[in-house]
C-alpha atoms as a PDB file:
ATOM      1  CA  MET A   1     -56.857  39.083  19.071  1.00  0.00           C
ATOM      2  CA  ASN A   2     -56.233  37.362  15.753  1.00  0.00           C
ATOM      3  CA  SER A   3     -53.156  38.125  13.757  1.00  0.00           C
ATOM      4  CA  PRO A   4     -53.467  39.620  10.267  1.00  0.00           C
ATOM      5  CA  LEU A   5     -52.489  36.217   8.765  1.00  0.00           C
ATOM      6  CA  GLN A   6     -55.290  34.392  10.595  1.00  0.00           C
ATOM      7  CA  GLU A   7     -57.819  37.045   9.558  1.00  0.00           C
ATOM      8  CA  ASN A   8     -56.722  36.691   5.920  1.00  0.00           C
ATOM      9  CA  GLU A   9     -57.072  32.884   6.021  1.00  0.00           C
ATOM     10  CA  THR A  10     -60.502  33.161   7.623  1.00  0.00           C
ATOM     11  CA  ALA A  11     -61.705  35.504   4.868  1.00  0.00           C
ATOM     12  CA  THR A  12     -60.360  33.174   2.174  1.00  0.00           C
ATOM     13  CA  LEU A  13     -62.100  30.211   3.776  1.00  0.00           C
ATOM     14  CA  GLN A  14     -65.415  32.089   3.863  1.00  0.00           C
ATOM     15  CA  GLU A  15     -65.089  33.011   0.191  1.00  0.00           C
ATOM     16  CA  LEU A  16     -64.361  29.391  -0.740  1.00  0.00           C
ATOM     17  CA  GLU A  17     -67.355  28.138   1.256  1.00  0.00           C
ATOM     18  CA  ALA A  18     -69.626  30.677  -0.474  1.00  0.00           C
ATOM     19  CA  ARG A  19     -68.312  29.647  -3.886  1.00  0.00           C
ATOM     20  CA  ALA A  20     -68.868  25.977  -3.016  1.00  0.00           C
ATOM     21  CA  ARG A  21     -72.495  26.709  -2.163  1.00  0.00           C
ATOM     22  CA  GLU A  22     -72.940  28.476  -5.501  1.00  0.00           C
ATOM     23  CA  LEU A  23     -71.438  25.526  -7.375  1.00  0.00           C
ATOM     24  CA  GLU A  24     -73.671  23.103  -5.497  1.00  0.00           C
ATOM     25  CA  SER A  25     -76.717  25.120  -6.559  1.00  0.00           C
ATOM     26  CA  GLU A  26     -75.576  25.177 -10.195  1.00  0.00           C
ATOM     27  CA  LEU A  27     -74.854  21.448 -10.089  1.00  0.00           C
ATOM     28  CA  ALA A  28     -78.329  20.751  -8.738  1.00  0.00           C
ATOM     29  CA  GLY A  29     -79.819  22.683 -11.652  1.00  0.00           C
ATOM     30  CA  VAL A  30     -77.719  20.745 -14.188  1.00  0.00           C
ATOM     31  CA  GLN A  31     -78.689  17.425 -12.583  1.00  0.00           C
ATOM     32  CA  SER A  32     -82.346  18.390 -12.729  1.00  0.00           C
ATOM     33  CA  ALA A  33     -82.056  19.233 -16.423  1.00  0.00           C
ATOM     34  CA  ILE A  34     -80.262  15.946 -17.130  1.00  0.00           C
ATOM     35  CA  THR A  35     -82.943  14.023 -15.238  1.00  0.00           C
ATOM     36  CA  ILE A  36     -85.723  15.635 -17.287  1.00  0.00           C
ATOM     37  CA  LEU A  37     -83.944  14.945 -20.576  1.00  0.00           C
ATOM     38  CA  ARG A  38     -83.264  11.345 -19.637  1.00  0.00           C
ATOM     39  CA  ALA A  39     -86.883  10.825 -18.683  1.00  0.00           C
ATOM     40  CA  ARG A  40     -88.046  12.230 -22.029  1.00  0.00           C
ATOM     41  CA  MET A  41     -85.578  10.093 -23.946  1.00  0.00           C
ATOM     42  CA  TYR A  42     -86.269   6.811 -22.166  1.00  0.00           C
ATOM     43  CA  ASN A  43     -89.911   7.174 -21.115  1.00  0.00           C
ATOM     44  CA  GLY A  44     -91.370   9.723 -23.517  1.00  0.00           C
ATOM     45  CA  HIS A  45     -92.595  12.098 -20.800  1.00  0.00           C
ATOM     46  CA  THR A  46     -91.390  14.522 -18.142  1.00  0.00           C
ATOM     47  CA  PRO A  47     -91.300  13.125 -14.582  1.00  0.00           C
ATOM     48  CA  ALA A  48     -93.705  14.573 -12.075  1.00  0.00           C
ATOM     49  CA  THR A  49     -92.462  16.919  -9.358  1.00  0.00           C
ATOM     50  CA  GLY A  50     -90.800  15.039  -6.538  1.00  0.00           C
ATOM     51  CA  GLN A  51     -90.401  11.861  -8.588  1.00  0.00           C
ATOM     52  CA  GLU A  52     -86.991  10.389  -8.093  1.00  0.00           C
ATOM     53  CA  VAL A  53     -85.196   9.517 -11.341  1.00  0.00           C
ATOM     54  CA  PRO A  54     -81.623   8.238 -11.165  1.00  0.00           C
ATOM     55  CA  LEU A  55     -79.044  10.538 -12.706  1.00  0.00           C
ATOM     56  CA  ALA A  56     -77.435   7.692 -14.649  1.00  0.00           C
ATOM     57  CA  PRO A  57     -78.682   4.089 -14.934  1.00  0.00           C
ATOM     58  CA  ALA A  58     -76.460   1.302 -13.775  1.00  0.00           C
ATOM     59  CA  TRP A  59     -74.499  -0.369 -16.572  1.00  0.00           C
ATOM     60  CA  ASP A  60     -75.980  -3.774 -15.838  1.00  0.00           C
ATOM     61  CA  THR A  61     -79.572  -2.489 -15.726  1.00  0.00           C
ATOM     62  CA  PRO A  62     -81.597  -2.422 -18.977  1.00  0.00           C
ATOM     63  CA  LEU A  63     -82.834   1.039 -19.890  1.00  0.00           C
ATOM     64  CA  PRO A  64     -86.613   1.411 -19.917  1.00  0.00           C
ATOM     65  CA  ILE A  65     -87.744   2.053 -23.499  1.00  0.00           C
ATOM     66  CA  SER A  66     -91.306   2.956 -24.237  1.00  0.00           C
ATOM     67  CA  THR A  67     -93.258   1.185 -26.965  1.00  0.00           C
ATOM     68  CA  PRO A  68     -93.380   3.340 -30.115  1.00  0.00           C
ATOM     69  CA  PRO A  69     -96.858   4.482 -31.153  1.00  0.00           C
ATOM     70  CA  GLN A  70     -98.515   2.447 -33.897  1.00  0.00           C
ATOM     71  CA  SER A  71    -100.641   5.360 -35.145  1.00  0.00           C
ATOM     72  CA  ARG A  72     -99.622   8.736 -36.552  1.00  0.00           C
ATOM     73  CA  PRO A  73     -97.795  10.954 -34.023  1.00  0.00           C
ATOM     74  CA  SER A  74     -99.932  13.528 -32.333  1.00  0.00           C
ATOM     75  CA  GLU A  75     -99.714  17.245 -33.125  1.00  0.00           C
ATOM     76  CA  GLU A  76     -97.943  17.770 -29.811  1.00  0.00           C
ATOM     77  CA  ALA A  77     -95.275  15.246 -30.795  1.00  0.00           C
ATOM     78  CA  GLN A  78     -94.880  16.921 -34.180  1.00  0.00           C
ATOM     79  CA  GLU A  79     -94.437  20.314 -32.535  1.00  0.00           C
ATOM     80  CA  THR A  80     -91.799  19.044 -30.138  1.00  0.00           C
ATOM     81  CA  GLY A  81     -89.873  17.375 -32.947  1.00  0.00           C
ATOM     82  CA  ASP A  82     -89.914  13.927 -31.324  1.00  0.00           C
ATOM     83  CA  ILE A  83     -88.850  11.081 -33.642  1.00  0.00           C
ATOM     84  CA  TYR A  84     -90.451   7.666 -33.229  1.00  0.00           C
ATOM     85  CA  LEU A  85     -88.733   4.567 -34.591  1.00  0.00           C
ATOM     86  CA  GLN A  86     -90.874   1.571 -35.480  1.00  0.00           C
ATOM     87  CA  SER A  87     -89.256  -1.797 -36.230  1.00  0.00           C
ATOM     88  CA  LEU A  88     -90.017  -3.504 -39.540  1.00  0.00           C
ATOM     89  CA  PRO A  89     -91.785  -6.876 -39.741  1.00  0.00           C
ATOM     90  CA  PRO A  90     -89.410  -9.866 -40.087  1.00  0.00           C
ATOM     91  CA  TYR A  91     -90.126 -10.291 -43.821  1.00  0.00           C
ATOM     92  CA  HIS A  92     -90.619  -6.679 -44.890  1.00  0.00           C
ATOM     93  CA  ALA A  93     -89.405  -5.799 -48.388  1.00  0.00           C
ATOM     94  CA  LEU A  94     -87.213  -2.964 -47.082  1.00  0.00           C
ATOM     95  CA  ARG A  95     -85.051  -5.450 -45.177  1.00  0.00           C
ATOM     96  CA  ASP A  96     -83.730  -6.774 -48.516  1.00  0.00           C
ATOM     97  CA  LYS A  97     -83.692  -3.463 -50.385  1.00  0.00           C
ATOM     98  CA  TRP A  98     -79.997  -2.764 -50.159  1.00  0.00           C
ATOM     99  CA  GLU A  99     -78.986  -6.362 -50.904  1.00  0.00           C
ATOM    100  CA  LEU A 100     -80.973  -6.317 -54.147  1.00  0.00           C
ATOM    101  CA  GLY A 101     -79.457  -2.962 -55.065  1.00  0.00           C
ATOM    102  CA  SER A 102     -82.374  -1.914 -57.283  1.00  0.00           C
ATOM    103  CA  GLY A 103     -84.768  -0.201 -54.899  1.00  0.00           C
ATOM    104  CA  LEU A 104     -88.090  -1.010 -53.319  1.00  0.00           C
ATOM    105  CA  GLU A 105     -89.832  -2.181 -56.521  1.00  0.00           C
ATOM    106  CA  ASP A 106     -87.278  -4.928 -57.081  1.00  0.00           C
ATOM    107  CA  ALA A 107     -87.358  -5.818 -53.387  1.00  0.00           C
ATOM    108  CA  GLN A 108     -91.086  -6.462 -53.628  1.00  0.00           C
ATOM    109  CA  THR A 109     -90.697  -8.621 -56.760  1.00  0.00           C
ATOM    110  CA  THR A 110     -90.535 -12.338 -56.105  1.00  0.00           C
ATOM    111  CA  LEU A 111     -89.739 -15.055 -58.622  1.00  0.00           C
ATOM    112  CA  PRO A 112     -92.269 -17.818 -59.180  1.00  0.00           C
ATOM    113  CA  PRO A 113     -91.339 -21.162 -57.574  1.00  0.00           C
ATOM    114  CA  GLU A 114     -90.840 -22.854 -60.955  1.00  0.00           C
ATOM    115  CA  GLN A 115     -88.053 -20.369 -61.773  1.00  0.00           C
ATOM    116  CA  ILE A 116     -86.373 -20.731 -58.393  1.00  0.00           C
ATOM    117  CA  TYR A 117     -86.468 -24.515 -58.149  1.00  0.00           C
ATOM    118  CA  SER A 118     -86.522 -25.481 -61.843  1.00  0.00           C
ATOM    119  CA  GLU A 119     -84.321 -28.399 -62.781  1.00  0.00           C
ATOM    120  CA  PRO A 120     -81.527 -27.724 -65.288  1.00  0.00           C
ATOM    121  CA  THR A 121     -82.351 -28.744 -68.845  1.00  0.00           C
ATOM    122  CA  PRO A 122     -80.567 -32.013 -69.648  1.00  0.00           C
ATOM    123  CA  VAL A 123     -78.071 -31.855 -72.505  1.00  0.00           C
ATOM    124  CA  ALA A 124     -78.195 -34.620 -75.101  1.00  0.00           C
ATOM    125  CA  THR A 125     -74.865 -36.381 -75.693  1.00  0.00           C
ATOM    126  CA  GLU A 126     -75.834 -39.353 -77.854  1.00  0.00           C
ATOM    127  CA  LEU A 127     -77.661 -40.023 -81.128  1.00  0.00           C
ATOM    128  CA  ARG A 128     -79.840 -43.119 -81.252  1.00  0.00           C
ATOM    129  CA  LEU A 129     -81.141 -44.506 -84.572  1.00  0.00           C
ATOM    130  CA  ILE A 130     -83.990 -47.054 -84.484  1.00  0.00           C
ATOM    131  CA  ALA A 131     -85.485 -48.828 -87.511  1.00  0.00           C
ATOM    132  CA  LEU A 132     -87.326 -51.939 -88.625  1.00  0.00           C
ATOM    133  CA  LEU A 133     -85.680 -53.713 -91.569  1.00  0.00           C
ATOM    134  CA  PRO A 134     -87.785 -55.052 -94.486  1.00  0.00           C
ATOM    135  CA  ASP A 135     -87.445 -58.606 -93.176  1.00  0.00           C
ATOM    136  CA  GLY A 136     -89.032 -57.521 -89.876  1.00  0.00           C
ATOM    137  CA  SER A 137     -85.864 -57.579 -87.779  1.00  0.00           C
ATOM    138  CA  PRO A 138     -85.150 -54.587 -85.518  1.00  0.00           C
ATOM    139  CA  TRP A 139     -82.100 -52.431 -86.134  1.00  0.00           C
ATOM    140  CA  GLU A 140     -80.510 -49.921 -83.777  1.00  0.00           C
ATOM    141  CA  GLN A 141     -77.305 -47.908 -83.693  1.00  0.00           C
ATOM    142  CA  ARG A 142     -75.925 -45.457 -81.121  1.00  0.00           C
ATOM    143  CA  ILE A 143     -73.197 -42.896 -81.676  1.00  0.00           C
ATOM    144  CA  HIS A 144     -71.883 -40.262 -79.286  1.00  0.00           C
ATOM    145  CA  PHE A 145     -71.951 -36.657 -80.414  1.00  0.00           C
ATOM    146  CA  SER A 146     -68.257 -36.352 -79.526  1.00  0.00           C
ATOM    147  CA  GLU A 147     -67.484 -38.987 -82.195  1.00  0.00           C
ATOM    148  CA  ILE A 148     -69.485 -37.040 -84.776  1.00  0.00           C
ATOM    149  CA  ALA A 149     -67.564 -33.867 -83.903  1.00  0.00           C
ATOM    150  CA  ALA A 150     -64.171 -35.633 -83.904  1.00  0.00           C
ATOM    151  CA  GLU A 151     -64.768 -37.165 -87.359  1.00  0.00           C
ATOM    152  CA  CYS A 152     -66.193 -33.902 -88.721  1.00  0.00           C
ATOM    153  CA  GLY A 153     -69.342 -35.882 -89.445  1.00  0.00           C
ATOM    154  CA  VAL A 154     -70.269 -39.537 -89.895  1.00  0.00           C
ATOM    155  CA  ILE A 155     -71.674 -41.291 -92.958  1.00  0.00           C
ATOM    156  CA  LEU A 156     -74.559 -43.740 -92.964  1.00  0.00           C
ATOM    157  CA  GLY A 157     -74.781 -46.157 -95.910  1.00  0.00           C
ATOM    158  CA  ARG A 158     -74.749 -49.723 -97.159  1.00  0.00           C
ATOM    159  CA  ASP A 159     -71.016 -50.109 -97.821  1.00  0.00           C
ATOM    160  CA  PRO A 160     -68.916 -50.686 -94.662  1.00  0.00           C
ATOM    161  CA  SER A 161     -65.773 -49.542 -96.484  1.00  0.00           C
ATOM    162  CA  VAL A 162     -67.296 -46.065 -96.895  1.00  0.00           C
ATOM    163  CA  ALA A 163     -69.916 -45.691 -94.179  1.00  0.00           C
ATOM    164  CA  ASN A 164     -69.332 -45.250 -90.448  1.00  0.00           C
ATOM    165  CA  ILE A 165     -72.853 -46.548 -89.766  1.00  0.00           C
ATOM    166  CA  VAL A 166     -73.873 -49.507 -91.907  1.00  0.00           C
ATOM    167  CA  LEU A 167     -77.556 -50.042 -92.782  1.00  0.00           C
ATOM    168  CA  PRO A 168     -77.795 -53.368 -94.670  1.00  0.00           C
ATOM    169  CA  ASP A 169     -80.513 -52.789 -97.243  1.00  0.00           C
ATOM    170  CA  THR A 170     -80.408 -52.637-101.026  1.00  0.00           C
ATOM    171  CA  GLY A 171     -82.543 -49.499-101.046  1.00  0.00           C
ATOM    172  CA  VAL A 172     -79.794 -47.637 -99.171  1.00  0.00           C
ATOM    173  CA  SER A 173     -76.901 -46.199-101.179  1.00  0.00           C
ATOM    174  CA  ARG A 174     -73.270 -47.033-100.421  1.00  0.00           C
ATOM    175  CA  ALA A 175     -72.882 -43.572 -98.867  1.00  0.00           C
ATOM    176  CA  HIS A 176     -76.434 -42.317 -98.363  1.00  0.00           C
ATOM    177  CA  ILE A 177     -76.475 -39.502 -95.759  1.00  0.00           C
ATOM    178  CA  ARG A 178     -74.007 -37.636 -93.593  1.00  0.00           C
ATOM    179  CA  PHE A 179     -74.585 -36.522 -90.000  1.00  0.00           C
ATOM    180  CA  ALA A 180     -72.688 -33.459 -88.758  1.00  0.00           C
ATOM    181  CA  LEU A 181     -72.695 -30.933 -85.919  1.00  0.00           C
ATOM    182  CA  ASN A 182     -72.709 -27.154 -86.296  1.00  0.00           C
ATOM    183  CA  GLU A 183     -74.147 -24.101 -84.539  1.00  0.00           C
ATOM    184  CA  HIS A 184     -77.671 -25.418 -85.247  1.00  0.00           C
ATOM    185  CA  GLY A 185     -76.984 -28.760 -83.567  1.00  0.00           C
ATOM    186  CA  LEU A 186     -77.222 -32.105 -85.348  1.00  0.00           C
ATOM    187  CA  THR A 187     -77.729 -31.844 -89.131  1.00  0.00           C
ATOM    188  CA  VAL A 188     -78.180 -34.292 -92.026  1.00  0.00           C
ATOM    189  CA  SER A 189     -77.124 -33.989 -95.647  1.00  0.00           C
ATOM    190  CA  ASP A 190     -77.965 -36.224 -98.603  1.00  0.00           C
ATOM    191  CA  MET A 191     -74.843 -37.452-100.422  1.00  0.00           C
ATOM    192  CA  GLY A 192     -76.435 -37.918-103.832  1.00  0.00           C
ATOM    193  CA  SER A 193     -78.276 -41.104-102.948  1.00  0.00           C
ATOM    194  CA  THR A 194     -80.181 -43.066-105.587  1.00  0.00           C
ATOM    195  CA  ASN A 195     -83.499 -43.360-103.748  1.00  0.00           C
ATOM    196  CA  GLY A 196     -83.315 -40.021-101.951  1.00  0.00           C
ATOM    197  CA  THR A 197     -83.897 -39.023 -98.321  1.00  0.00           C
ATOM    198  CA  PHE A 198     -87.043 -37.804 -96.571  1.00  0.00           C
ATOM    199  CA  VAL A 199     -87.019 -35.793 -93.331  1.00  0.00           C
ATOM    200  CA  ASN A 200     -90.420 -36.107 -91.621  1.00  0.00           C
ATOM    201  CA  ASP A 201     -91.851 -37.221 -94.994  1.00  0.00           C
ATOM    202  CA  VAL A 202     -90.453 -34.096 -96.690  1.00  0.00           C
ATOM    203  CA  PRO A 203     -87.945 -34.888 -99.477  1.00  0.00           C
ATOM    204  CA  LEU A 204     -84.390 -33.750 -98.970  1.00  0.00           C
ATOM    205  CA  SER A 205     -82.890 -32.626-102.270  1.00  0.00           C
ATOM    206  CA  PRO A 206     -79.582 -34.212-103.327  1.00  0.00           C
ATOM    207  CA  TYR A 207     -76.591 -32.535-101.744  1.00  0.00           C
ATOM    208  CA  ASP A 208     -78.943 -30.444 -99.601  1.00  0.00           C
ATOM    209  CA  ASN A 209     -76.469 -29.559 -96.877  1.00  0.00           C
ATOM    210  CA  CYS A 210     -76.987 -29.385 -93.129  1.00  0.00           C
ATOM    211  CA  ARG A 211     -80.726 -29.853 -92.610  1.00  0.00           C
ATOM    212  CA  PRO A 212     -81.243 -29.467 -88.785  1.00  0.00           C
ATOM    213  CA  LEU A 213     -82.634 -32.484 -86.944  1.00  0.00           C
ATOM    214  CA  GLN A 214     -84.640 -32.583 -83.723  1.00  0.00           C
ATOM    215  CA  ASP A 215     -85.342 -35.296 -81.207  1.00  0.00           C
ATOM    216  CA  GLY A 216     -88.245 -37.385 -82.563  1.00  0.00           C
ATOM    217  CA  ASP A 217     -87.700 -36.626 -86.254  1.00  0.00           C
ATOM    218  CA  THR A 218     -87.871 -39.422 -88.841  1.00  0.00           C
ATOM    219  CA  LEU A 219     -85.546 -40.183 -91.758  1.00  0.00           C
ATOM    220  CA  THR A 220     -86.735 -42.334 -94.668  1.00  0.00           C
ATOM    221  CA  LEU A 221     -84.030 -43.982 -96.777  1.00  0.00           C
ATOM    222  CA  GLY A 222     -85.530 -46.139 -99.540  1.00  0.00           C
ATOM    223  CA  GLN A 223     -87.930 -48.517 -97.784  1.00  0.00           C
ATOM    224  CA  ILE A 224     -86.515 -47.989 -94.280  1.00  0.00           C
ATOM    225  CA  THR A 225     -87.653 -45.307 -91.832  1.00  0.00           C
ATOM    226  CA  LEU A 226     -85.248 -44.296 -89.053  1.00  0.00           C
ATOM    227  CA  GLN A 227     -86.443 -42.845 -85.760  1.00  0.00           C
ATOM    228  CA  ILE A 228     -84.142 -40.091 -84.412  1.00  0.00           C
ATOM    229  CA  GLN A 229     -83.706 -39.989 -80.639  1.00  0.00           C
ATOM    230  CA  PHE A 230     -81.377 -37.861 -78.487  1.00  0.00           C
ATOM    231  CA  SER A 231     -80.242 -39.172 -75.139  1.00  0.00           C
END
C-alpha cells in the first residue's frame, strides 16, 4: 500500500506528463504554421501535405528565393497582398535619382558629349602686333597683358622718349595710340594723332577712348596697317 506522499507525487507526475503532451501538440501546430509561412516567403507557395520543410535553414546554406514575375501580378497575388520586388537594370535612371537630387526627369537627362569632354577655352595673355613697313621690311612687337595692366596702358608712337612701343615711320605721331585693359578687355584710344587711326578701316575719332579690340582686328596708322593677334 502506497503512502499518502507517494500517491501525491504520482498524481503530480501524471499531471505534468499530461501538460507536456499538450505543450507538444501546441508546439507542433506552431512549427507547422512557421513552416507554411517560411515556404510562402522563400518559395512563393504553400508546401504540399507531407512535404518536409526544415523549420529553420542552416546559417551557411543560401535561402531559396524564387524569381520575381516579369509580368503584372495575378489577381490572386493582389488579393493576398503579396509584394514582388524586381531589380533595376544596371543603368536605370532611378539608380542615380537620389544622387542628382532633382527627381526622375533630371536623372533621365544626359549632357551631350561636347559639354562633358569640352576643352577649356584658352585665355590670351599676350598682344602681338605685326606690320609691313613702307620699305618692305617686316615689323613685329609682343607685349604681355600683365605689362599693359601694370603700366595702366602702353603708348605706341614714333618717339622712343614717349612711346613704350616704337613704330619708326614718319606717318606715325610721336604718341599715336594707347592700349589699355578694362572690363571689356583690350582697348585702343587715339591720342590726338596727326594722321588719325582706323580700326578695321573705320576711323577712330581723336581722343576716342577705349575702343574694344578683338583678335584679328586691324589698326591703320598713317600708311602702316597693324595686325592684332592674341596669344
